Amino acid sequence: MAFLAAGADVAIGDSDLGKVRAITAQLSRIHGADMIGLPVEVTDADRFAEFLDGAAGRLGGLDVVVNAAEIGPGDGFLTESARESDLRIDVNVRAVVTGSRLAGIRFAEQGYGQIINIGSAAGVTAAIGAAVYSATKHAVLGLGAALQHGLADEGVIVSTVAPGNAPHPEAVADAIVDCVEHRRGGLVEVPAAGWLRSVIADRTRRRAGMRRLLGHA
């Protein structure tokens, strides 16, 4: 909704195709924008590539890719199963690496583009009781720091947005769009209070109304 409010055309990918198509159809009707929902499995490189190809074909190209899928903190380190840890690492790290590589190749070929990865304050310091989650977010921050410099000569901007503890969703969304509007690379931390809410108040109120129309709190 933040990108739509800024005038962008948007493609959303999700493993639940019916759900993502229903959401994008509602948003398209409300906003009158070009928005599409496509299937994607972020842990499968081939299906991730198919999503990007499909999005580029439907939208006439890609300028920005946001790697936003994640599995949040789970049980304590000693009680979390190996399967749970593996899935958290697959989604929070491997999928971000895959998405960044696929987008980076595409953007380097066209000479411009921006990758935005969603980190966390837990990756800046750590979250007690969420060791594996913290480790995955440390990895996302490290990846972003390396790619920010490594892809700059290719014309690719890499941003890592790191929300603080229980941040306001609109503040995170505004930070993401702000990175694009101002071509802001590197680490962008979003305090829980959300400093951008006071800067872009009209946009925030507009999205709040859209959320109510869609039946969200």
Protein backbone atom coordinates (compact mmCIF):
# COMPACT_ATOMS: atom_id res chain seq x y z
CA MET A 1 0.00 0.00 0.00
CA ALA A 2 2.92 2.35 0.64
CA PHE A 3 4.26 1.77 -2.86
CA LEU A 4 0.80 2.23 -4.38
CA ALA A 5 0.39 5.51 -2.50
CA ALA A 6 3.72 6.62 -3.98
CA GLY A 7 2.49 5.87 -7.51
CA ALA A 8 4.33 2.60 -8.13
CA ASP A 9 3.08 -0.49 -9.96
CA VAL A 10 3.44 -3.51 -7.71
CA ALA A 11 3.73 -7.29 -7.94
CA ILE A 12 3.37 -9.38 -4.78
CA GLY A 13 4.51 -12.99 -4.59
CA ASP A 14 3.21 -15.57 -2.14
CA SER A 15 2.98 -19.34 -1.95
CA ASP A 16 -0.81 -19.00 -1.43
CA LEU A 17 -1.83 -17.92 -4.93
CA GLY A 18 -5.53 -17.57 -4.16
CA LYS A 19 -4.88 -15.30 -1.20
CA VAL A 20 -2.37 -13.05 -2.95
CA ARG A 21 -4.59 -12.67 -6.01
CA ALA A 22 -7.58 -11.75 -3.87
CA ILE A 23 -5.59 -9.12 -1.96
CA THR A 24 -4.07 -7.57 -5.07
CA ALA A 25 -7.45 -7.51 -6.83
CA GLN A 26 -8.97 -5.61 -3.89
CA LEU A 27 -6.10 -3.14 -3.77
CA SER A 28 -6.24 -2.59 -7.52
CA ARG A 29 -9.95 -1.80 -7.38
CA ILE A 30 -9.56 0.56 -4.41
CA HIS A 31 -6.47 2.35 -5.65
CA GLY A 32 -6.97 2.11 -9.40
CA ALA A 33 -3.36 1.01 -9.83
CA ASP A 34 -1.60 -1.76 -11.71
CA MET A 35 -1.05 -4.44 -9.08
CA ILE A 36 -0.67 -8.18 -9.61
CA GLY A 37 -0.34 -11.28 -7.43
CA LEU A 38 1.86 -14.14 -8.54
CA PRO A 39 2.95 -17.47 -7.05
CA VAL A 40 6.41 -17.75 -5.56
CA GLU A 41 8.32 -20.14 -3.34
CA VAL A 42 11.24 -18.17 -1.93
CA THR A 43 13.19 -21.27 -0.92
CA ASP A 44 13.16 -22.56 -4.53
CA ALA A 45 15.53 -20.61 -6.79
CA ASP A 46 13.80 -21.69 -10.00
CA ARG A 47 10.35 -20.63 -8.77
CA PHE A 48 11.77 -17.39 -7.42
CA ALA A 49 13.24 -16.66 -10.85
CA GLU A 50 9.88 -17.47 -12.47
CA PHE A 51 8.20 -14.95 -10.17
CA LEU A 52 10.64 -12.20 -11.12
CA ASP A 53 10.27 -13.02 -14.82
CA GLY A 54 6.49 -12.97 -14.50
CA ALA A 55 6.48 -9.70 -12.58
CA ALA A 56 8.81 -8.06 -15.10
CA GLY A 57 6.68 -9.28 -17.99
CA ARG A 58 3.41 -8.07 -16.51
CA LEU A 59 4.73 -4.72 -15.26
CA GLY A 60 7.03 -3.93 -18.17
CA GLY A 61 10.23 -4.32 -16.18
CA LEU A 62 11.49 -4.19 -12.60
CA ASP A 63 13.14 -1.34 -10.74
CA VAL A 64 12.98 -2.59 -7.14
CA VAL A 65 12.87 -6.00 -5.46
CA VAL A 66 11.96 -6.23 -1.76
CA ASN A 67 12.90 -9.46 -0.01
CA ALA A 68 10.36 -9.41 2.81
CA ALA A 69 9.56 -13.05 3.57
CA GLU A 70 10.63 -14.21 7.02
CA ILE A 71 9.88 -16.58 9.87
CA GLY A 72 9.86 -14.74 13.17
CA PRO A 73 11.38 -15.76 16.51
CA GLY A 74 10.43 -19.19 17.81
CA ASP A 75 11.00 -21.11 21.00
CA GLY A 76 14.17 -20.94 23.05
CA PHE A 77 17.38 -22.16 21.47
CA LEU A 78 17.52 -25.40 23.48
CA THR A 79 13.89 -26.32 22.76
CA GLU A 80 13.70 -25.28 19.11
CA SER A 81 13.82 -28.33 16.87
CA ALA A 82 16.44 -28.76 14.18
CA ARG A 83 13.66 -28.74 11.59
CA GLU A 84 12.37 -25.39 12.85
CA SER A 85 15.86 -23.92 12.82
CA ASP A 86 16.50 -25.19 9.30
CA LEU A 87 13.26 -23.67 7.99
CA ARG A 88 14.03 -20.34 9.68
CA ILE A 89 17.51 -20.33 8.09
CA ASP A 90 16.07 -21.34 4.69
CA VAL A 91 13.54 -18.50 4.61
CA ASN A 92 15.40 -15.78 6.50
CA VAL A 93 18.85 -16.29 4.97
CA ARG A 94 18.97 -18.57 1.93
CA ALA A 95 15.90 -17.02 0.33
CA VAL A 96 17.30 -13.51 0.84
CA VAL A 97 20.59 -14.59 -0.72
CA THR A 98 18.71 -16.14 -3.64
CA GLY A 99 16.45 -13.13 -4.13
CA SER A 100 19.37 -10.72 -3.92
CA ARG A 101 21.40 -12.71 -6.45
CA LEU A 102 18.53 -13.06 -8.94
CA ALA A 103 17.63 -9.38 -8.64
CA GLY A 104 21.29 -8.36 -8.74
CA ILE A 105 21.89 -10.23 -11.99
CA ARG A 106 18.81 -8.63 -13.56
CA PHE A 107 19.67 -5.13 -12.35
CA ALA A 108 23.35 -5.36 -13.30
CA GLU A 109 22.33 -6.31 -16.85
CA GLN A 110 20.02 -3.30 -17.16
CA GLY A 111 22.44 -1.00 -15.36
CA TYR A 112 20.14 0.10 -12.51
CA GLY A 113 17.86 -1.20 -9.80
CA GLN A 114 17.46 -1.45 -6.05
CA ILE A 115 17.39 -4.43 -3.71
CA ILE A 116 15.78 -3.96 -0.31
CA ASN A 117 16.19 -6.66 2.30
CA ILE A 118 14.27 -6.66 5.58
CA GLY A 119 16.53 -7.09 8.57
CA SER A 120 15.79 -6.49 12.23
CA ALA A 121 17.15 -4.78 15.32
CA ALA A 122 17.91 -8.35 16.42
CA GLY A 123 20.51 -8.40 13.66
CA VAL A 124 22.12 -5.20 14.91
CA THR A 125 22.44 -6.46 18.48
CA ALA A 126 20.58 -9.65 19.42
CA ALA A 127 17.26 -10.74 20.90
CA ILE A 128 17.39 -12.78 24.08
CA GLY A 129 15.47 -16.01 23.60
CA ALA A 130 15.64 -15.80 19.80
CA ALA A 131 19.17 -16.98 19.03
CA VAL A 132 18.57 -18.55 15.62
CA TYR A 133 16.35 -15.69 14.48
CA SER A 134 19.01 -13.20 15.61
CA ALA A 135 21.66 -15.17 13.75
CA THR A 136 19.63 -15.06 10.53
CA LYS A 137 19.17 -11.31 10.80
CA HIS A 138 22.88 -10.79 11.49
CA ALA A 139 23.43 -12.67 8.23
CA VAL A 140 21.02 -10.39 6.36
CA LEU A 141 22.84 -7.31 7.64
CA GLY A 142 26.20 -8.76 6.67
CA LEU A 143 24.94 -9.66 3.22
CA GLY A 144 23.57 -6.16 2.71
CA ALA A 145 26.78 -4.47 3.86
CA ALA A 146 28.83 -6.55 1.42
CA LEU A 147 26.44 -6.11 -1.51
CA GLN A 148 26.05 -2.37 -0.94
CA HIS A 149 29.69 -1.94 -1.89
CA GLY A 150 30.06 -4.97 -4.14
CA LEU A 151 27.23 -4.04 -6.53
CA ALA A 152 27.60 -0.26 -6.52
CA ASP A 153 29.73 -0.25 -9.67
CA GLU A 154 26.97 -2.21 -11.43
CA GLY A 155 24.45 0.56 -10.74
CA VAL A 156 22.64 -1.51 -8.10
CA ILE A 157 21.60 0.03 -4.78
CA VAL A 158 21.28 -2.36 -1.83
CA SER A 159 19.34 -1.30 1.28
CA THR A 160 18.76 -3.18 4.52
CA VAL A 161 15.77 -1.95 6.53
CA ALA A 162 16.03 -3.00 10.18
CA PRO A 163 12.85 -2.44 12.23
CA GLY A 164 13.17 -2.02 15.97
CA ASN A 165 11.22 -3.92 18.60
CA ALA A 166 7.49 -4.08 17.70
CA PRO A 167 7.64 -1.22 15.18
CA HIS A 168 4.54 0.32 13.65
CA PRO A 169 3.98 -1.42 10.26
CA GLU A 170 3.37 1.88 8.48
CA ALA A 171 6.69 3.23 9.74
CA VAL A 172 8.52 0.25 8.24
CA ALA A 173 6.64 0.67 4.97
CA ASP A 174 7.48 4.36 4.85
CA ALA A 175 11.15 3.57 5.46
CA ILE A 176 11.16 1.12 2.55
CA VAL A 177 9.56 3.61 0.15
CA ASP A 178 11.85 6.36 1.44
CA CYS A 179 14.86 4.22 0.49
CA VAL A 180 13.56 4.08 -3.08
CA GLU A 181 12.50 7.71 -3.37
CA HIS A 182 15.86 8.95 -2.10
CA ARG A 183 18.02 6.13 -3.52
CA ARG A 184 19.14 5.37 0.02
CA GLY A 185 21.47 2.39 0.34
CA GLY A 186 23.04 0.71 3.34
CA LEU A 187 21.52 0.05 6.75
CA VAL A 188 18.34 1.93 7.63
CA GLU A 189 17.14 1.41 11.21
CA VAL A 190 13.48 2.05 12.03
CA PRO A 191 12.85 2.86 15.71
CA ALA A 192 9.76 1.38 17.30
CA ALA A 193 8.25 4.88 17.50
CA GLY A 194 8.57 5.25 13.72
CA TRP A 195 10.11 8.66 12.94
CA LEU A 196 8.83 8.60 9.37
CA ARG A 197 5.18 8.65 10.47
CA SER A 198 5.39 12.35 11.30
CA VAL A 199 7.14 13.10 8.02
CA ILE A 200 4.60 11.44 5.72
CA ALA A 201 1.42 11.75 7.75
CA ASP A 202 -1.00 12.06 4.81
CA ARG A 203 0.31 8.87 3.20
CA THR A 204 -0.02 7.01 6.49
CA ARG A 205 -3.61 8.13 7.02
CA ARG A 206 -4.47 7.13 3.46
CA ARG A 207 -3.12 3.61 3.97
CA ALA A 208 -4.93 3.32 7.32
CA GLY A 209 -8.18 3.95 5.47
CA MET A 210 -7.28 1.35 2.86
CA ARG A 211 -6.52 -1.19 5.59
CA ARG A 212 -9.97 -0.63 7.08
CA LEU A 213 -11.61 -1.12 3.67
CA LEU A 214 -9.73 -4.39 3.29
CA GLY A 215 -10.92 -5.57 6.68
CA HIS A 216 -7.56 -5.29 8.46
CA ALA A 217 -7.10 -3.78 11.90
